C-alpha atoms as a PDB file:
ATOM      1  CA  MET A   1      12.094   4.740 -14.127  1.00  0.00           C
ATOM      2  CA  ALA A   2       8.574   4.543 -12.606  1.00  0.00           C
ATOM      3  CA  GLN A   3       8.058   0.957 -13.219  1.00  0.00           C
ATOM      4  CA  GLU A   4      11.412  -0.051 -11.600  1.00  0.00           C
ATOM      5  CA  PHE A   5      10.590   2.299  -8.552  1.00  0.00           C
ATOM      6  CA  VAL A   6       7.288   0.727  -8.092  1.00  0.00           C
ATOM      7  CA  ASN A   7       8.413  -2.788  -8.509  1.00  0.00           C
ATOM      8  CA  SER A   8      11.486  -2.386  -6.211  1.00  0.00           C
ATOM      9  CA  LYS A   9       9.162  -1.759  -3.318  1.00  0.00           C
ATOM     10  CA  ILE A  10       6.758  -4.429  -3.642  1.00  0.00           C
ATOM     11  CA  HIS A  11       7.832  -7.639  -1.747  1.00  0.00           C
ATOM     12  CA  PRO A  12       6.119 -10.809  -0.768  1.00  0.00           C
ATOM     13  CA  GLY A  13       6.494 -10.638   2.857  1.00  0.00           C
ATOM     14  CA  LYS A  14       5.467  -6.996   3.212  1.00  0.00           C
ATOM     15  CA  VAL A  15       2.821  -4.484   3.158  1.00  0.00           C
ATOM     16  CA  VAL A  16       3.520  -1.176   0.998  1.00  0.00           C
ATOM     17  CA  VAL A  17       1.373   1.733   0.482  1.00  0.00           C
ATOM     18  CA  PHE A  18       1.961   4.236  -2.291  1.00  0.00           C
ATOM     19  CA  ILE A  19       0.493   7.484  -0.765  1.00  0.00           C
ATOM     20  CA  LYS A  20       0.408  11.316  -1.301  1.00  0.00           C
ATOM     21  CA  PRO A  21       0.973  13.085   2.064  1.00  0.00           C
ATOM     22  CA  THR A  22      -1.827  15.536   1.541  1.00  0.00           C
ATOM     23  CA  CYS A  23      -4.495  12.961   0.666  1.00  0.00           C
ATOM     24  CA  PRO A  24      -7.025  12.261   3.298  1.00  0.00           C
ATOM     25  CA  TYR A  25      -7.662   8.799   2.364  1.00  0.00           C
ATOM     26  CA  CYS A  26      -3.847   8.131   2.550  1.00  0.00           C
ATOM     27  CA  ARG A  27      -3.798   9.464   5.932  1.00  0.00           C
ATOM     28  CA  LYS A  28      -6.667   7.304   7.079  1.00  0.00           C
ATOM     29  CA  THR A  29      -5.027   4.255   5.532  1.00  0.00           C
ATOM     30  CA  GLN A  30      -1.889   5.174   7.448  1.00  0.00           C
ATOM     31  CA  GLU A  31      -3.789   5.385  10.652  1.00  0.00           C
ATOM     32  CA  ILE A  32      -5.410   2.048  10.113  1.00  0.00           C
ATOM     33  CA  LEU A  33      -2.253   0.166   9.215  1.00  0.00           C
ATOM     34  CA  SER A  34       0.062   1.969  11.806  1.00  0.00           C
ATOM     35  CA  ALA A  35      -2.209   0.794  14.665  1.00  0.00           C
ATOM     36  CA  LEU A  36      -1.356  -2.874  13.776  1.00  0.00           C
ATOM     37  CA  PRO A  37       1.605  -4.799  15.318  1.00  0.00           C
ATOM     38  CA  PHE A  38       3.774  -5.108  12.255  1.00  0.00           C
ATOM     39  CA  LYS A  39       7.288  -6.467  12.446  1.00  0.00           C
ATOM     40  CA  HIS A  40      10.010  -4.045  12.076  1.00  0.00           C
ATOM     41  CA  GLY A  41      10.375  -3.092   8.363  1.00  0.00           C
ATOM     42  CA  LEU A  42       7.323  -4.843   6.852  1.00  0.00           C
ATOM     43  CA  LEU A  43       5.097  -1.798   6.659  1.00  0.00           C
ATOM     44  CA  GLU A  44       6.260   0.972   4.389  1.00  0.00           C
ATOM     45  CA  PHE A  45       4.550   3.987   3.077  1.00  0.00           C
ATOM     46  CA  VAL A  46       6.010   5.378  -0.125  1.00  0.00           C
ATOM     47  CA  ASP A  47       5.513   8.987  -0.681  1.00  0.00           C
ATOM     48  CA  ILE A  48       5.214   9.316  -4.542  1.00  0.00           C
ATOM     49  CA  THR A  49       5.242  13.178  -4.618  1.00  0.00           C
ATOM     50  CA  ALA A  50       8.795  12.859  -3.473  1.00  0.00           C
ATOM     51  CA  ASN A  51       9.851  12.064  -6.969  1.00  0.00           C
ATOM     52  CA  SER A  52       9.855  14.196  -9.953  1.00  0.00           C
ATOM     53  CA  ASP A  53       7.899  11.502 -11.970  1.00  0.00           C
ATOM     54  CA  THR A  54       4.817  11.310  -9.821  1.00  0.00           C
ATOM     55  CA  SER A  55       2.471  11.153 -12.879  1.00  0.00           C
ATOM     56  CA  GLU A  56       4.528   8.361 -14.361  1.00  0.00           C
ATOM     57  CA  ILE A  57       4.280   6.309 -11.094  1.00  0.00           C
ATOM     58  CA  GLN A  58       0.531   6.813 -11.011  1.00  0.00           C
ATOM     59  CA  ASP A  59       0.326   5.620 -14.867  1.00  0.00           C
ATOM     60  CA  TYR A  60       2.310   2.608 -13.952  1.00  0.00           C
ATOM     61  CA  LEU A  61      -0.001   1.972 -10.963  1.00  0.00           C
ATOM     62  CA  GLN A  62      -2.824   2.022 -13.245  1.00  0.00           C
ATOM     63  CA  GLN A  63      -1.321  -0.549 -15.592  1.00  0.00           C
ATOM     64  CA  LEU A  64      -0.668  -2.841 -12.630  1.00  0.00           C
ATOM     65  CA  THR A  65      -3.667  -2.472 -10.477  1.00  0.00           C
ATOM     66  CA  GLY A  66      -6.491  -0.783 -12.823  1.00  0.00           C
ATOM     67  CA  ALA A  67      -6.437   2.567 -10.920  1.00  0.00           C
ATOM     68  CA  ARG A  68      -4.116   5.276 -10.665  1.00  0.00           C
ATOM     69  CA  THR A  69      -5.503   6.956  -7.418  1.00  0.00           C
ATOM     70  CA  VAL A  70      -3.628   6.805  -4.189  1.00  0.00           C
ATOM     71  CA  PRO A  71      -3.512   5.033  -1.682  1.00  0.00           C
ATOM     72  CA  ARG A  72      -2.681   1.800  -3.500  1.00  0.00           C
ATOM     73  CA  VAL A  73      -2.105  -0.824  -0.906  1.00  0.00           C
ATOM     74  CA  PHE A  74      -0.150  -3.896  -1.542  1.00  0.00           C
ATOM     75  CA  ILE A  75      -0.140  -6.774   0.733  1.00  0.00           C
ATOM     76  CA  GLY A  76       2.849  -8.927  -0.389  1.00  0.00           C
ATOM     77  CA  LYS A  77       2.599  -8.789  -4.197  1.00  0.00           C
ATOM     78  CA  ASP A  78      -1.170  -8.388  -4.450  1.00  0.00           C
ATOM     79  CA  CYS A  79      -3.004  -4.847  -4.557  1.00  0.00           C
ATOM     80  CA  ILE A  80      -5.933  -5.059  -2.509  1.00  0.00           C
ATOM     81  CA  GLY A  81      -6.968  -1.536  -3.723  1.00  0.00           C
ATOM     82  CA  GLY A  82      -7.320   1.729  -1.725  1.00  0.00           C
ATOM     83  CA  CYS A  83      -8.656   3.050   1.624  1.00  0.00           C
ATOM     84  CA  SER A  84     -12.393   1.809   1.152  1.00  0.00           C
ATOM     85  CA  ASP A  85     -11.110  -1.639   0.244  1.00  0.00           C
ATOM     86  CA  LEU A  86      -8.851  -1.742   3.294  1.00  0.00           C
ATOM     87  CA  GLN A  87     -11.519  -0.726   5.559  1.00  0.00           C
ATOM     88  CA  SER A  88     -13.692  -3.405   4.328  1.00  0.00           C
ATOM     89  CA  MET A  89     -11.144  -5.806   4.860  1.00  0.00           C
ATOM     90  CA  GLN A  90     -10.559  -4.708   8.319  1.00  0.00           C
ATOM     91  CA  GLN A  91     -14.081  -4.941   9.125  1.00  0.00           C
ATOM     92  CA  SER A  92     -14.678  -8.385   7.758  1.00  0.00           C
ATOM     93  CA  GLY A  93     -11.502  -9.598   9.443  1.00  0.00           C
ATOM     94  CA  GLU A  94      -9.852 -10.679   6.223  1.00  0.00           C
ATOM     95  CA  LEU A  95      -6.977  -7.762   6.750  1.00  0.00           C
ATOM     96  CA  LEU A  96      -5.717  -9.611   9.951  1.00  0.00           C
ATOM     97  CA  THR A  97      -5.981 -12.988   8.163  1.00  0.00           C
ATOM     98  CA  ARG A  98      -4.015 -11.757   5.205  1.00  0.00           C
ATOM     99  CA  LEU A  99      -1.249 -10.034   7.216  1.00  0.00           C
ATOM    100  CA  LYS A 100      -0.757 -13.147   9.256  1.00  0.00           C
ATOM    101  CA  THR A 101      -0.564 -15.402   6.057  1.00  0.00           C
ATOM    102  CA  ILE A 102       2.506 -13.329   4.812  1.00  0.00           C
ATOM    103  CA  GLY A 103       3.975 -13.103   8.286  1.00  0.00           C
ATOM    104  CA  ALA A 104       4.021  -9.370   8.662  1.00  0.00           C
ATOM    105  CA  LEU A 105       2.593  -9.233  12.071  1.00  0.00           C
ATOM    106  CA  GLN A 106       4.368  -9.768  15.228  1.00  0.00           C
END
């Protein structure tokens, strides 16, 4: 169930972030990404606490990405990590480059 749920959210031309609403790093990640000019429907925040199997989802994220912490940020099919990884990519300019590459920005 958790594996199917996570895999159904990740798409090549989309940015998906698995979050918990109470997490300050998740909120910061949402702020950074929400400020960018995404095409409609190509940025999705997935609240894993809305499911009864939150722990299983985090276990599967660990299998998939090497970490079970949130946020887990996927640009297309690639997990780039969490909030600090996103901030590093933003500062270096790599974030905009990657988002343009997958066609997610207006």
